């Protein structure tokens, strides 16, 4: 048995399992049964299985555990979809979730999900089957070097030789995945299990009698916290609270307790309450160094990833900034960010101070004016646009909301009105912010959360994971509504520098072909092929009606729109907000 801990500061942090007893000679199925029992003992309740021959011993052992009602199995024919489904289940449940693949390229297809799990600190357990030692390096079919395949993206990787007991390897892997080791956040691990023929149960063995599955909802309780009641004694400072991805309700409570404006991204799960400001990214320039009320300090909760104005604010060396970090995080290396990490709320309160009443009032008035200006621009045109779709989805979603990368989450950030209380738990793949596996991730979130779930994504993101619509035969249908903003290509690039290049004319055709990536895919036909409901709308009224309609199982709402006027739309929104806010702040 060999192990590799690429993300650990030293091998002793996790501990390298002892080498195998040379006399050990477990059958492959017996070894797999030990692995499954150890996974279940460690809290794994969901396993996503991709079919394969070398992984057959694990498949049989899992089938036995499933028949006994001890684990929920999901089957996916595409390993990449399997990995992201497992990622979504782990996000929804907060517990480690395993994904099983056979050897060879099957393992490599998990890399995108492993990378996202690494940067998002998600306990994803890769169980990769492998050939035994005697077949490695011989040219045997589907045989390659698998242990180091994920490199530094896993917290721990271990190779269990054929015939060995995998118990200790599984226990160490789960400890690493769940962040049980000091100064190490949760994250993905790889359990590489070698199996030798025979790969099937002994003749005459049978599955146990099928039992019903329990409900395996493992979530976190609502946050209960008490902030320092002496906030009134803190010095007054013009501080802003920036709530990035996964900040949680603590950011909202902190901003409210200290009288500070809350600038919260949609996937922060902090975008609510009396201090939350909607189109905040368009307001930052109005509180810049040359304004009457310049920002003095910034406090960061979670990971801000969405907008360049926020990145520019955090890059300013004249504004002291602090990052609330009560536990180790996976998304940055210590010393590589400018913010001062602070572990306690009391110390953070001393840094932030309390907001002068005029400070919070100015932000709230500016935010209300900006929101009114955005709503006015969006209401002026009945054909649906990205920001209008984002606003409506944000307004209508209950239960769970999954936001795809690219424009969808930014549309909600721009136009989504903060509510007084959170209406849905929001998820997004912001570890690396890729569009990979979004449908599969949302499927896992819906199944793991056992709640109605809405997914908002663009057409390119949808097509990137169209295979994620596949479900194993007889499996539970998630309550999943998929809203696809179909503008026949990648609209986000028109809002970046490439949009200006296209407008200049010198590279217009190249920008459209290589960045816009236009297509004519029939999404209705795709939905029919996978047995998923579908409807098409093109107006905000039609979308509002579709979102209000009850649904069962999976359904797709395709919103047809045109992306070529998007750059102009955002320009008009910015101008309207600028005029409205300038008028408010001048009073």
Protein backbone atom coordinates (compact mmCIF):
# COMPACT_ATOMS: atom_id res chain seq x y z
CA UNK A 1 0.00 0.00 0.00
CA UNK A 2 1.46 3.36 -0.99
CA UNK A 3 0.13 6.84 -0.40
CA UNK A 4 0.66 10.36 -1.62
CA UNK A 5 -0.37 13.57 0.15
CA UNK A 6 0.35 16.35 -2.37
CA UNK A 7 -1.62 19.01 -0.52
CA UNK A 8 -0.30 18.27 2.95
CA UNK A 9 2.61 20.19 4.50
CA UNK A 10 4.31 16.91 5.37
CA UNK A 11 3.63 13.21 5.07
CA UNK A 12 3.34 12.92 8.83
CA UNK A 13 0.28 15.18 8.84
CA UNK A 14 -1.88 12.43 7.42
CA UNK A 15 0.33 9.46 8.06
CA UNK A 16 1.39 6.95 5.45
CA UNK A 17 -0.36 3.60 5.85
CA UNK A 18 1.85 0.62 6.58
CA UNK A 19 2.99 -1.51 3.69
CA UNK A 20 0.81 -4.50 3.02
CA UNK A 21 1.30 -7.82 4.67
CA UNK A 22 2.91 -9.96 1.95
CA UNK A 23 0.76 -12.86 3.11
CA UNK A 24 -2.50 -10.93 2.67
CA UNK A 25 -4.58 -12.57 -0.03
CA UNK A 26 -8.14 -11.28 0.09
CA UNK A 27 -10.32 -11.92 -2.92
CA UNK A 28 -11.26 -8.80 -4.86
CA UNK A 29 -14.89 -8.97 -3.76
CA UNK A 30 -13.88 -9.47 -0.11
CA UNK A 31 -11.57 -6.46 -0.31
CA UNK A 32 -14.34 -4.41 -1.92
CA UNK A 33 -16.77 -5.35 0.84
CA UNK A 34 -14.30 -4.06 3.43
CA UNK A 35 -13.91 -0.83 1.45
CA UNK A 36 -17.67 -0.32 1.24
CA UNK A 37 -18.19 -1.05 4.93
CA UNK A 38 -15.43 1.42 5.83
CA UNK A 39 -16.93 4.10 3.57
CA UNK A 40 -20.33 3.66 5.23
CA UNK A 41 -18.76 3.71 8.71
CA UNK A 42 -17.12 7.02 7.74
CA UNK A 43 -20.41 8.72 6.87
CA UNK A 44 -20.73 8.08 3.12
CA UNK A 45 -24.40 7.69 2.23
CA UNK A 46 -24.34 8.35 -1.51
CA UNK A 47 -22.13 6.74 -4.15
CA UNK A 48 -22.26 7.63 -7.84
CA UNK A 49 -21.23 4.69 -10.03
CA UNK A 50 -19.92 4.76 -13.59
CA UNK A 51 -19.98 1.31 -15.20
CA UNK A 52 -16.79 -0.64 -15.80
CA UNK A 53 -15.21 -4.07 -15.51
CA UNK A 54 -12.21 -3.52 -13.21
CA UNK A 55 -14.46 -1.72 -10.71
CA UNK A 56 -16.91 -4.65 -10.69
CA UNK A 57 -15.97 -5.88 -7.16
CA UNK A 58 -16.92 -2.46 -5.75
CA UNK A 59 -20.10 -2.41 -7.82
CA UNK A 60 -21.19 -5.77 -6.42
CA UNK A 61 -20.33 -4.75 -2.84
CA UNK A 62 -22.24 -1.51 -3.26
CA UNK A 63 -25.21 -3.37 -4.71
CA UNK A 64 -25.27 -5.50 -1.55
CA UNK A 65 -25.17 -2.41 0.67
CA UNK A 66 -27.88 -0.75 -1.41
CA UNK A 67 -30.12 -3.81 -1.17
CA UNK A 68 -29.68 -3.66 2.60
CA UNK A 69 -30.80 0.00 2.59
CA UNK A 70 -27.42 1.29 3.75
CA UNK A 71 -26.43 3.46 0.80
CA UNK A 72 -28.06 5.30 -2.10
CA UNK A 73 -26.58 4.47 -5.51
CA UNK A 74 -26.76 6.64 -8.61
CA UNK A 75 -25.55 5.45 -12.01
CA UNK A 76 -24.04 7.63 -14.73
CA UNK A 77 -22.58 6.41 -18.02
CA UNK A 78 -20.27 9.45 -18.32
CA UNK A 79 -17.57 9.69 -15.62
CA UNK A 80 -17.41 13.47 -15.83
CA UNK A 81 -21.14 13.69 -15.15
CA UNK A 82 -20.71 11.14 -12.34
CA UNK A 83 -18.03 13.28 -10.70
CA UNK A 84 -20.09 16.44 -10.79
CA UNK A 85 -23.21 14.63 -9.58
CA UNK A 86 -21.21 13.45 -6.57
CA UNK A 87 -19.94 17.00 -6.10
CA UNK A 88 -23.50 18.32 -6.01
CA UNK A 89 -24.57 15.66 -3.51
CA UNK A 90 -21.67 16.60 -1.23
CA UNK A 91 -22.55 20.29 -1.51
CA UNK A 92 -26.17 19.65 -0.57
CA UNK A 93 -25.53 17.21 2.27
CA UNK A 94 -22.27 18.50 3.71
CA UNK A 95 -21.10 14.87 3.96
CA UNK A 96 -18.47 12.97 1.96
CA UNK A 97 -19.78 11.46 -1.27
CA UNK A 98 -17.96 8.81 -3.30
CA UNK A 99 -17.71 8.36 -7.05
CA UNK A 100 -16.61 5.00 -8.46
CA UNK A 101 -14.88 4.50 -11.81
CA UNK A 102 -13.03 1.77 -13.61
CA UNK A 103 -9.39 2.17 -14.63
CA UNK A 104 -7.72 4.13 -17.44
CA UNK A 105 -9.24 7.20 -19.06
CA UNK A 106 -12.33 6.78 -16.87
CA UNK A 107 -10.34 8.16 -13.93
CA UNK A 108 -9.03 11.08 -15.96
CA UNK A 109 -12.57 12.23 -16.72
CA UNK A 110 -13.00 13.06 -13.04
CA UNK A 111 -10.29 15.75 -13.08
CA UNK A 112 -12.60 18.77 -13.64
CA UNK A 113 -14.82 17.77 -10.70
CA UNK A 114 -11.79 17.08 -8.52
CA UNK A 115 -10.33 20.50 -9.37
CA UNK A 116 -13.59 22.24 -8.44
CA UNK A 117 -13.84 20.20 -5.22
CA UNK A 118 -10.28 21.18 -4.32
CA UNK A 119 -10.83 24.91 -4.60
CA UNK A 120 -14.32 24.76 -3.08
CA UNK A 121 -13.27 22.45 -0.20
CA UNK A 122 -15.84 19.75 -1.00
CA UNK A 123 -15.36 16.21 0.45
CA UNK A 124 -15.38 14.27 -2.82
CA UNK A 125 -14.05 10.71 -2.52
CA UNK A 126 -12.70 9.29 -5.78
CA UNK A 127 -12.69 5.49 -5.71
CA UNK A 128 -10.70 4.46 -8.77
CA UNK A 129 -10.32 0.80 -9.64
CA UNK A 130 -6.96 -0.30 -11.01
CA UNK A 131 -5.08 -3.24 -12.43
CA UNK A 132 -2.91 -5.28 -10.05
CA UNK A 133 0.83 -4.58 -9.81
CA UNK A 134 1.82 -7.42 -12.14
CA UNK A 135 -0.12 -5.85 -15.03
CA UNK A 136 1.19 -2.31 -14.66
CA UNK A 137 3.79 -1.24 -17.17
CA UNK A 138 3.12 -4.24 -19.40
CA UNK A 139 0.85 -2.64 -21.97
CA UNK A 140 -2.22 -4.21 -20.39
CA UNK A 141 -5.53 -2.74 -21.52
CA UNK A 142 -6.82 0.35 -19.65
CA UNK A 143 -3.72 0.47 -17.46
CA UNK A 144 -1.84 3.67 -16.63
CA UNK A 145 -0.33 5.48 -13.65
CA UNK A 146 -3.38 6.52 -11.61
CA UNK A 147 -2.10 7.42 -8.13
CA UNK A 148 -0.60 10.81 -9.06
CA UNK A 149 -3.19 11.63 -11.68
CA UNK A 150 -4.84 14.46 -9.71
CA UNK A 151 -1.58 15.92 -8.37
CA UNK A 152 -2.01 18.72 -5.85
CA UNK A 153 -5.77 18.82 -6.31
CA UNK A 154 -6.33 16.03 -3.78
CA UNK A 155 -5.74 16.18 -0.03
CA UNK A 156 -4.63 12.56 0.07
CA UNK A 157 -4.12 9.75 -2.42
CA UNK A 158 -3.47 6.11 -1.61
CA UNK A 159 -2.84 2.99 -3.68
CA UNK A 160 -4.11 -0.27 -2.17
CA UNK A 161 -2.54 -3.36 -3.67
CA UNK A 162 -4.67 -6.27 -4.82
CA UNK A 163 -5.36 -8.65 -1.95
CA UNK A 164 -4.82 -6.06 0.81
CA UNK A 165 -7.43 -4.85 3.25
CA UNK A 166 -8.36 -1.26 2.33
CA UNK A 167 -9.82 -0.40 5.73
CA UNK A 168 -7.06 1.87 7.01
CA UNK A 169 -6.68 3.53 3.63
CA UNK A 170 -10.41 4.33 3.55
CA UNK A 171 -10.36 5.68 7.11
CA UNK A 172 -7.39 7.95 6.38
CA UNK A 173 -8.93 9.09 3.09
CA UNK A 174 -12.20 10.09 4.77
CA UNK A 175 -10.37 11.91 7.55
CA UNK A 176 -8.47 13.93 4.95
CA UNK A 177 -11.61 14.55 2.88
CA UNK A 178 -13.55 15.94 5.82
CA UNK A 179 -10.78 18.19 7.10
CA UNK A 180 -10.07 16.18 10.24
CA UNK A 181 -6.38 17.04 10.15
CA UNK A 182 -5.12 20.30 11.64
CA UNK A 183 -4.81 23.30 9.31
CA UNK A 184 -6.18 21.31 6.37
CA UNK A 185 -9.55 22.20 4.82
CA UNK A 186 -11.89 19.52 3.51
CA UNK A 187 -11.43 18.46 -0.07
CA UNK A 188 -11.16 15.62 -2.58
CA UNK A 189 -9.18 12.44 -2.02
CA UNK A 190 -8.32 9.46 -4.19
CA UNK A 191 -8.66 5.87 -3.08
CA UNK A 192 -7.01 3.77 -5.80
CA UNK A 193 -7.96 0.11 -5.36
CA UNK A 194 -6.23 -2.61 -7.36
CA UNK A 195 -8.31 -5.70 -8.09
CA UNK A 196 -7.15 -9.07 -9.39
CA UNK A 197 -9.33 -11.64 -11.15
CA UNK A 198 -11.85 -12.97 -10.31
CA UNK A 199 -13.85 -9.75 -10.17
CA UNK A 200 -17.25 -11.28 -9.40
CA UNK A 201 -18.88 -12.88 -6.33
CA UNK A 202 -18.49 -16.59 -5.77
CA UNK A 203 -20.93 -18.89 -7.48
CA UNK A 204 -24.16 -19.21 -5.52
CA UNK A 205 -23.90 -15.86 -3.69
CA UNK A 206 -26.97 -13.62 -3.96
CA UNK A 207 -27.99 -10.09 -3.09
CA UNK A 208 -29.72 -9.70 0.28
CA UNK A 209 -33.45 -9.04 0.22
CA UNK A 210 -34.11 -5.46 -0.89
CA UNK A 211 -34.98 -3.00 1.85
CA UNK A 212 -36.31 0.54 1.58
CA UNK A 213 -33.91 3.42 1.74
CA UNK A 214 -34.01 5.92 4.54
CA UNK A 215 -33.72 9.64 4.09
CA UNK A 216 -30.11 10.71 4.26
CA UNK A 217 -30.32 14.47 4.66
CA UNK A 218 -27.20 15.67 6.39
CA UNK A 219 -27.21 19.45 6.47
CA UNK A 220 -26.09 22.25 8.69
CA UNK A 221 -28.34 23.85 11.28
CA UNK A 222 -29.27 27.52 10.81
CA UNK A 223 -26.60 29.82 12.15
CA UNK A 224 -27.13 31.13 15.66
CA UNK A 225 -24.60 33.71 16.72
CA UNK A 226 -24.24 36.53 19.17
CA UNK A 227 -22.18 39.54 18.20
CA UNK A 228 -20.52 41.85 20.65
CA UNK A 229 -23.25 43.99 22.26
CA UNK A 230 -20.67 46.75 22.76
CA UNK A 231 -20.72 47.61 19.05
CA UNK A 232 -21.97 51.08 19.93
CA UNK A 233 -18.64 51.75 21.66
CA UNK A 234 -16.57 50.96 18.57
CA UNK A 235 -15.03 53.80 16.55
CA UNK A 236 -17.02 55.05 13.59
CA UNK A 237 -15.59 53.95 10.24
CA UNK A 238 -16.88 53.97 6.68
CA UNK A 239 -16.49 50.22 6.23
CA UNK A 240 -18.18 48.00 3.68
CA UNK A 241 -18.92 44.30 4.22
CA UNK A 242 -18.18 42.25 1.11
CA UNK A 243 -19.88 38.85 1.15
CA UNK A 244 -18.39 36.55 -1.44
CA UNK A 245 -19.26 32.99 -2.33
CA UNK A 246 -20.18 30.79 0.65
CA UNK A 247 -19.93 33.65 3.17
CA UNK A 248 -23.08 32.48 4.93
CA UNK A 249 -25.55 34.37 7.13
CA UNK A 250 -22.77 35.47 9.49
CA UNK A 251 -21.90 38.24 7.01
CA UNK A 252 -25.46 39.60 7.09
CA UNK A 253 -25.56 39.45 10.89
CA UNK A 254 -22.21 41.22 11.16
CA UNK A 255 -23.21 44.03 8.79
CA UNK A 256 -26.53 44.53 10.58
CA UNK A 257 -24.96 44.56 14.05
CA UNK A 258 -22.38 47.16 13.05
CA UNK A 259 -24.55 49.38 10.87
CA UNK A 260 -22.54 48.68 7.70
CA UNK A 261 -23.63 48.30 4.07
CA UNK A 262 -23.70 44.68 2.90
CA UNK A 263 -22.48 44.01 -0.64
CA UNK A 264 -23.37 40.36 -1.13
CA UNK A 265 -22.94 38.09 -4.13
CA UNK A 266 -25.87 35.75 -4.84
CA UNK A 267 -24.03 32.56 -3.84
CA UNK A 268 -22.86 34.12 -0.57
CA UNK A 269 -26.18 33.12 1.04
CA UNK A 270 -25.91 36.52 2.74
CA UNK A 271 -27.88 38.57 0.19
CA UNK A 272 -30.80 39.49 2.40
CA UNK A 273 -31.70 41.72 5.30
CA UNK A 274 -32.05 45.48 5.83
CA UNK A 275 -28.42 46.34 5.06
CA UNK A 276 -28.12 44.46 1.74
CA UNK A 277 -27.54 46.63 -1.34
CA UNK A 278 -28.64 45.23 -4.72
CA UNK A 279 -26.66 46.59 -7.70
CA UNK A 280 -23.66 47.34 -5.47
CA UNK A 281 -21.02 46.81 -8.15
CA UNK A 282 -22.35 49.85 -10.06
CA UNK A 283 -22.15 51.97 -6.91
CA UNK A 284 -18.54 51.47 -5.86
CA UNK A 285 -17.23 54.29 -8.05
CA UNK A 286 -19.67 56.68 -6.34
CA UNK A 287 -17.94 55.99 -3.02
CA UNK A 288 -14.41 56.22 -4.41
CA UNK A 289 -11.51 58.33 -3.12
CA UNK A 290 -12.78 61.53 -4.76
CA UNK A 291 -16.34 61.25 -3.44
CA UNK A 292 -17.84 63.01 -0.42
CA UNK A 293 -18.12 59.67 1.41
CA UNK A 294 -15.15 57.53 0.40
CA UNK A 295 -14.80 53.93 1.57
CA UNK A 296 -12.29 53.68 4.43
CA UNK A 297 -12.15 49.93 5.12
CA UNK A 298 -13.39 46.62 3.73
CA UNK A 299 -14.30 43.41 5.52
CA UNK A 300 -14.50 40.24 3.43
CA UNK A 301 -16.56 37.16 4.21
CA UNK A 302 -16.27 34.17 1.87
CA UNK A 303 -14.69 34.42 -1.55
CA UNK A 304 -15.55 37.36 -3.81
CA UNK A 305 -15.28 36.21 -7.44
CA UNK A 306 -17.81 37.97 -9.64
CA UNK A 307 -16.95 41.54 -10.53
CA UNK A 308 -13.99 43.65 -11.49
CA UNK A 309 -15.14 46.66 -9.43
CA UNK A 310 -14.91 44.54 -6.26
CA UNK A 311 -11.52 43.18 -7.32
CA UNK A 312 -10.35 46.73 -7.95
CA UNK A 313 -11.55 47.82 -4.51
CA UNK A 314 -9.71 44.98 -2.79
CA UNK A 315 -6.56 45.77 -4.77
CA UNK A 316 -6.41 49.34 -3.45
CA UNK A 317 -3.51 49.63 -1.01
CA UNK A 318 -4.98 52.78 0.57
CA UNK A 319 -7.96 50.82 1.98
CA UNK A 320 -7.19 48.40 4.84
CA UNK A 321 -9.00 45.12 4.29
CA UNK A 322 -9.62 42.09 6.51
CA UNK A 323 -10.68 38.56 5.60
CA UNK A 324 -12.79 36.64 8.12
CA UNK A 325 -11.15 33.21 8.26
CA UNK A 326 -12.20 31.21 11.33
CA UNK A 327 -11.06 27.92 9.72
CA UNK A 328 -8.55 27.10 6.96
CA UNK A 329 -9.86 27.64 3.44
CA UNK A 330 -8.87 25.98 0.19
CA UNK A 331 -9.18 28.83 -2.28
CA UNK A 332 -5.98 30.77 -1.63
CA UNK A 333 -2.47 30.22 -0.32
CA UNK A 334 -1.53 32.02 2.92
CA UNK A 335 0.36 35.22 2.22
CA UNK A 336 -0.88 35.51 -1.35
CA UNK A 337 -3.73 37.95 -0.65
CA UNK A 338 -3.56 41.51 0.62
CA UNK A 339 -6.32 41.22 3.23
CA UNK A 340 -5.39 40.57 6.84
CA UNK A 341 -6.85 37.21 7.93
CA UNK A 342 -8.85 37.48 11.16
CA UNK A 343 -10.23 34.42 12.94
CA UNK A 344 -12.53 35.93 15.60
CA UNK A 345 -15.60 38.10 15.23
CA UNK A 346 -14.55 40.22 18.19
CA UNK A 347 -11.25 41.13 16.52
CA UNK A 348 -13.06 41.68 13.23
CA UNK A 349 -15.43 44.07 14.98
CA UNK A 350 -12.49 46.11 16.27
CA UNK A 351 -11.12 46.31 12.75
CA UNK A 352 -14.42 47.22 11.08
CA UNK A 353 -15.79 49.59 13.69
CA UNK A 354 -19.37 50.76 13.38
CA UNK A 355 -20.86 52.69 10.53
CA UNK A 356 -21.96 56.30 10.96
CA UNK A 357 -25.69 56.59 10.34
CA UNK A 358 -25.09 58.80 7.32
CA UNK A 359 -22.83 56.10 5.85
CA UNK A 360 -25.41 53.32 5.85
CA UNK A 361 -28.18 55.73 4.81
CA UNK A 362 -26.17 56.87 1.80
CA UNK A 363 -25.62 53.31 0.62
CA UNK A 364 -29.23 52.29 1.13
CA UNK A 365 -30.57 55.37 -0.68
CA UNK A 366 -28.11 54.89 -3.53
CA UNK A 367 -28.97 51.20 -3.68
CA UNK A 368 -32.70 51.89 -3.86
CA UNK A 369 -32.18 54.46 -6.62
CA UNK A 370 -29.93 52.06 -8.54
CA UNK A 371 -32.40 49.19 -8.20
CA UNK A 372 -35.22 51.42 -9.46
CA UNK A 373 -33.10 52.48 -12.43
CA UNK A 374 -32.21 48.86 -13.30
CA UNK A 375 -35.82 47.76 -13.00
CA UNK A 376 -36.92 50.65 -15.22
CA UNK A 377 -34.50 49.71 -18.01
CA UNK A 378 -35.46 46.04 -17.84
CA UNK A 379 -39.19 46.77 -17.80
CA UNK A 380 -38.91 48.97 -20.88
CA UNK A 381 -38.38 46.00 -23.19
CA UNK A 382 -40.76 43.04 -23.15
CA UNK A 383 -38.40 40.58 -24.91
CA UNK A 384 -36.48 38.72 -22.24
CA UNK A 385 -32.87 39.72 -21.54
CA UNK A 386 -30.25 38.13 -19.32
CA UNK A 387 -30.61 40.58 -16.42
CA UNK A 388 -34.42 40.36 -16.59
CA UNK A 389 -34.23 36.56 -16.51
CA UNK A 390 -31.82 36.70 -13.56
CA UNK A 391 -34.17 39.03 -11.68
CA UNK A 392 -37.23 36.84 -12.26
CA UNK A 393 -35.48 33.58 -11.36
CA UNK A 394 -34.14 35.16 -8.17
CA UNK A 395 -37.64 36.44 -7.31
CA UNK A 396 -39.51 33.17 -7.96
CA UNK A 397 -37.13 30.50 -6.67
CA UNK A 398 -37.85 28.62 -3.46
CA UNK A 399 -35.98 25.70 -1.96
CA UNK A 400 -32.61 25.54 -3.71
CA UNK A 401 -31.12 27.69 -6.47
CA UNK A 402 -28.10 26.68 -8.54
CA UNK A 403 -26.45 29.40 -10.61
CA UNK A 404 -24.27 28.49 -13.55
CA UNK A 405 -21.01 30.29 -14.19
CA UNK A 406 -20.68 32.91 -16.92
CA UNK A 407 -23.48 35.49 -17.28
CA UNK A 408 -26.26 33.81 -15.26
CA UNK A 409 -24.86 34.43 -11.79
CA UNK A 410 -23.75 37.94 -12.80
CA UNK A 411 -27.24 38.76 -14.08
CA UNK A 412 -28.64 37.82 -10.68
CA UNK A 413 -25.91 39.83 -8.97
CA UNK A 414 -26.85 42.87 -11.02
CA UNK A 415 -30.65 42.66 -10.95
CA UNK A 416 -31.65 40.36 -8.09
CA UNK A 417 -33.43 42.36 -5.39
CA UNK A 418 -32.27 41.38 -1.88
CA UNK A 419 -35.14 40.02 0.18
CA UNK A 420 -35.84 40.61 3.85
CA UNK A 421 -35.26 36.89 4.52
CA UNK A 422 -33.53 34.26 2.35
CA UNK A 423 -36.00 32.43 0.12
CA UNK A 424 -33.65 29.73 -1.18
CA UNK A 425 -30.28 28.18 -0.48
CA UNK A 426 -27.97 29.23 -3.30
CA UNK A 427 -25.25 27.05 -4.83
CA UNK A 428 -22.68 27.81 -7.50
CA UNK A 429 -19.44 26.23 -8.70
CA UNK A 430 -17.14 29.09 -7.75
CA UNK A 431 -14.10 27.01 -6.78
CA UNK A 432 -12.77 27.45 -10.31
CA UNK A 433 -15.92 29.01 -11.79
CA UNK A 434 -15.97 26.65 -14.77
CA UNK A 435 -19.02 25.68 -16.76
CA UNK A 436 -18.14 21.98 -16.49
CA UNK A 437 -20.78 19.57 -15.24
CA UNK A 438 -23.34 22.17 -14.20
CA UNK A 439 -26.44 20.06 -14.92
CA UNK A 440 -24.89 17.09 -13.13
CA UNK A 441 -23.95 19.22 -10.13
CA UNK A 442 -27.47 20.62 -9.91
CA UNK A 443 -28.91 17.11 -10.16
CA UNK A 444 -26.78 16.04 -7.22
CA UNK A 445 -27.82 19.10 -5.24
CA UNK A 446 -31.50 18.44 -5.93
CA UNK A 447 -31.25 14.78 -4.94
CA UNK A 448 -29.10 15.44 -1.88
CA UNK A 449 -31.23 18.32 -0.65
CA UNK A 450 -34.56 16.58 -1.26
CA UNK A 451 -36.00 19.96 -2.23
CA UNK A 452 -37.39 21.71 -5.27
CA UNK A 453 -34.35 23.08 -7.10
CA UNK A 454 -34.00 25.65 -9.86
CA UNK A 455 -30.94 25.84 -12.10
CA UNK A 456 -30.20 28.98 -14.13
CA UNK A 457 -27.58 28.63 -16.86
CA UNK A 458 -26.72 29.74 -20.36
CA UNK A 459 -27.03 27.68 -23.51
CA UNK A 460 -23.29 27.03 -23.84
CA UNK A 461 -23.11 25.81 -20.26
CA UNK A 462 -26.17 23.65 -20.90
CA UNK A 463 -24.68 22.08 -24.04
CA UNK A 464 -21.36 21.49 -22.25
CA UNK A 465 -23.13 19.05 -19.92
CA UNK A 466 -26.13 17.89 -21.96
CA UNK A 467 -25.18 14.33 -21.00
CA UNK A 468 -25.94 15.30 -17.41
CA UNK A 469 -29.62 14.90 -18.28
CA UNK A 470 -29.13 11.15 -18.26
CA UNK A 471 -30.38 9.26 -15.20
CA UNK A 472 -29.82 5.60 -14.38
CA UNK A 473 -32.74 3.26 -15.00
CA UNK A 474 -35.27 3.33 -12.18
CA UNK A 475 -33.57 6.15 -10.29
CA UNK A 476 -35.37 8.88 -8.42
CA UNK A 477 -36.28 11.91 -10.51
CA UNK A 478 -34.96 15.08 -8.91
CA UNK A 479 -37.31 18.02 -8.54
CA UNK A 480 -35.22 20.11 -10.91
CA UNK A 481 -36.31 23.06 -13.04
CA UNK A 482 -33.67 24.08 -15.57
CA UNK A 483 -33.89 27.62 -16.93
CA UNK A 484 -31.74 27.92 -20.07
CA UNK A 485 -31.05 31.40 -21.39
CA UNK A 486 -30.57 30.53 -25.05
CA UNK A 487 -29.01 33.36 -27.01
CA UNK A 488 -27.23 30.98 -29.40
CA UNK A 489 -23.73 31.39 -28.09
CA UNK A 490 -21.42 32.84 -25.46
CA UNK A 491 -22.79 36.26 -24.58
CA UNK A 492 -20.37 36.96 -21.74
CA UNK A 493 -17.53 37.69 -24.14
CA UNK A 494 -19.41 40.68 -25.56
CA UNK A 495 -19.25 42.27 -22.10
CA UNK A 496 -15.50 41.75 -21.85
CA UNK A 497 -12.71 43.30 -23.93
CA UNK A 498 -13.64 41.09 -26.86
CA UNK A 499 -16.90 42.98 -27.27
CA UNK A 500 -14.97 46.19 -27.89
CA UNK A 501 -12.71 44.36 -30.35
CA UNK A 502 -15.77 43.15 -32.24
CA UNK A 503 -17.26 46.65 -32.31
CA UNK A 504 -14.02 48.07 -33.70
CA UNK A 505 -14.53 45.86 -36.74
CA UNK A 506 -11.03 44.51 -37.31
CA UNK A 507 -11.73 41.09 -35.84
CA UNK A 508 -15.53 41.00 -35.85
CA UNK A 509 -15.94 37.68 -37.65
CA UNK A 510 -13.21 36.02 -35.60
CA UNK A 511 -14.70 37.18 -32.29
CA UNK A 512 -18.13 35.87 -33.26
CA UNK A 513 -16.83 32.49 -34.40
CA UNK A 514 -14.18 31.85 -31.72
CA UNK A 515 -15.79 33.52 -28.70
CA UNK A 516 -19.47 33.84 -29.57
CA UNK A 517 -19.53 30.19 -30.76
CA UNK A 518 -22.97 30.45 -32.41
CA UNK A 519 -25.04 27.26 -32.70
CA UNK A 520 -28.43 26.03 -33.80
CA UNK A 521 -28.94 23.11 -31.42
CA UNK A 522 -32.57 22.11 -30.89
CA UNK A 523 -32.86 22.08 -27.09
CA UNK A 524 -36.44 20.83 -27.25
CA UNK A 525 -35.26 17.77 -29.17
CA UNK A 526 -32.48 17.19 -26.63
CA UNK A 527 -35.00 17.38 -23.80
CA UNK A 528 -37.27 14.90 -25.57
CA UNK A 529 -34.36 12.52 -26.12
CA UNK A 530 -33.73 12.39 -22.37
CA UNK A 531 -37.39 12.35 -21.39
CA UNK A 532 -37.33 15.81 -19.80
CA UNK A 533 -40.23 18.26 -20.02
CA UNK A 534 -39.69 21.41 -22.08
CA UNK A 535 -41.31 24.74 -22.82
CA UNK A 536 -40.05 27.78 -24.69
CA UNK A 537 -40.65 31.45 -23.86
CA UNK A 538 -39.28 34.70 -25.23
CA UNK A 539 -40.82 37.39 -23.02
CA UNK A 540 -40.54 38.30 -19.36
CA UNK A 541 -44.28 37.74 -18.95
CA UNK A 542 -43.96 34.27 -20.43
CA UNK A 543 -41.04 33.46 -18.17
CA UNK A 544 -42.86 34.71 -15.07
CA UNK A 545 -45.82 32.48 -15.94
CA UNK A 546 -43.57 29.45 -16.52
CA UNK A 547 -41.73 30.01 -13.24
CA UNK A 548 -44.99 30.24 -11.33
CA UNK A 549 -46.30 26.98 -12.76
CA UNK A 550 -46.00 23.85 -10.57
CA UNK A 551 -43.79 21.06 -11.91
CA UNK A 552 -42.94 17.46 -11.12
CA UNK A 553 -39.63 15.76 -11.85
CA UNK A 554 -37.43 17.59 -14.33
CA UNK A 555 -38.43 20.34 -16.72
CA UNK A 556 -36.59 22.78 -18.95
CA UNK A 557 -37.68 26.37 -19.50
CA UNK A 558 -35.88 27.62 -22.58
CA UNK A 559 -35.74 31.42 -22.77
CA UNK A 560 -35.01 32.52 -26.33
CA UNK A 561 -33.26 35.86 -26.62
CA UNK A 562 -30.73 37.80 -28.68
CA UNK A 563 -27.26 38.45 -27.30
CA UNK A 564 -26.14 41.01 -29.84
CA UNK A 565 -27.71 43.95 -28.02
CA UNK A 566 -26.37 42.93 -24.60
CA UNK A 567 -23.38 45.26 -24.54
CA UNK A 568 -25.62 48.24 -25.33
CA UNK A 569 -28.13 47.13 -22.67
CA UNK A 570 -25.46 47.08 -19.97
CA UNK A 571 -24.25 50.48 -21.11
CA UNK A 572 -27.76 51.91 -20.74
CA UNK A 573 -28.14 50.31 -17.31
CA UNK A 574 -24.86 51.79 -16.11
CA UNK A 575 -25.78 55.24 -17.41
CA UNK A 576 -29.23 55.14 -15.80
CA UNK A 577 -27.81 54.00 -12.47
CA UNK A 578 -25.12 56.67 -12.59
CA UNK A 579 -27.66 59.44 -13.17
CA UNK A 580 -30.02 58.17 -10.46
CA UNK A 581 -27.31 57.72 -7.82
CA UNK A 582 -25.67 61.05 -8.56
CA UNK A 583 -28.99 62.75 -7.95
CA UNK A 584 -29.53 60.99 -4.64
CA UNK A 585 -26.03 61.62 -3.28
CA UNK A 586 -26.16 65.27 -4.31
CA UNK A 587 -29.19 65.94 -2.12
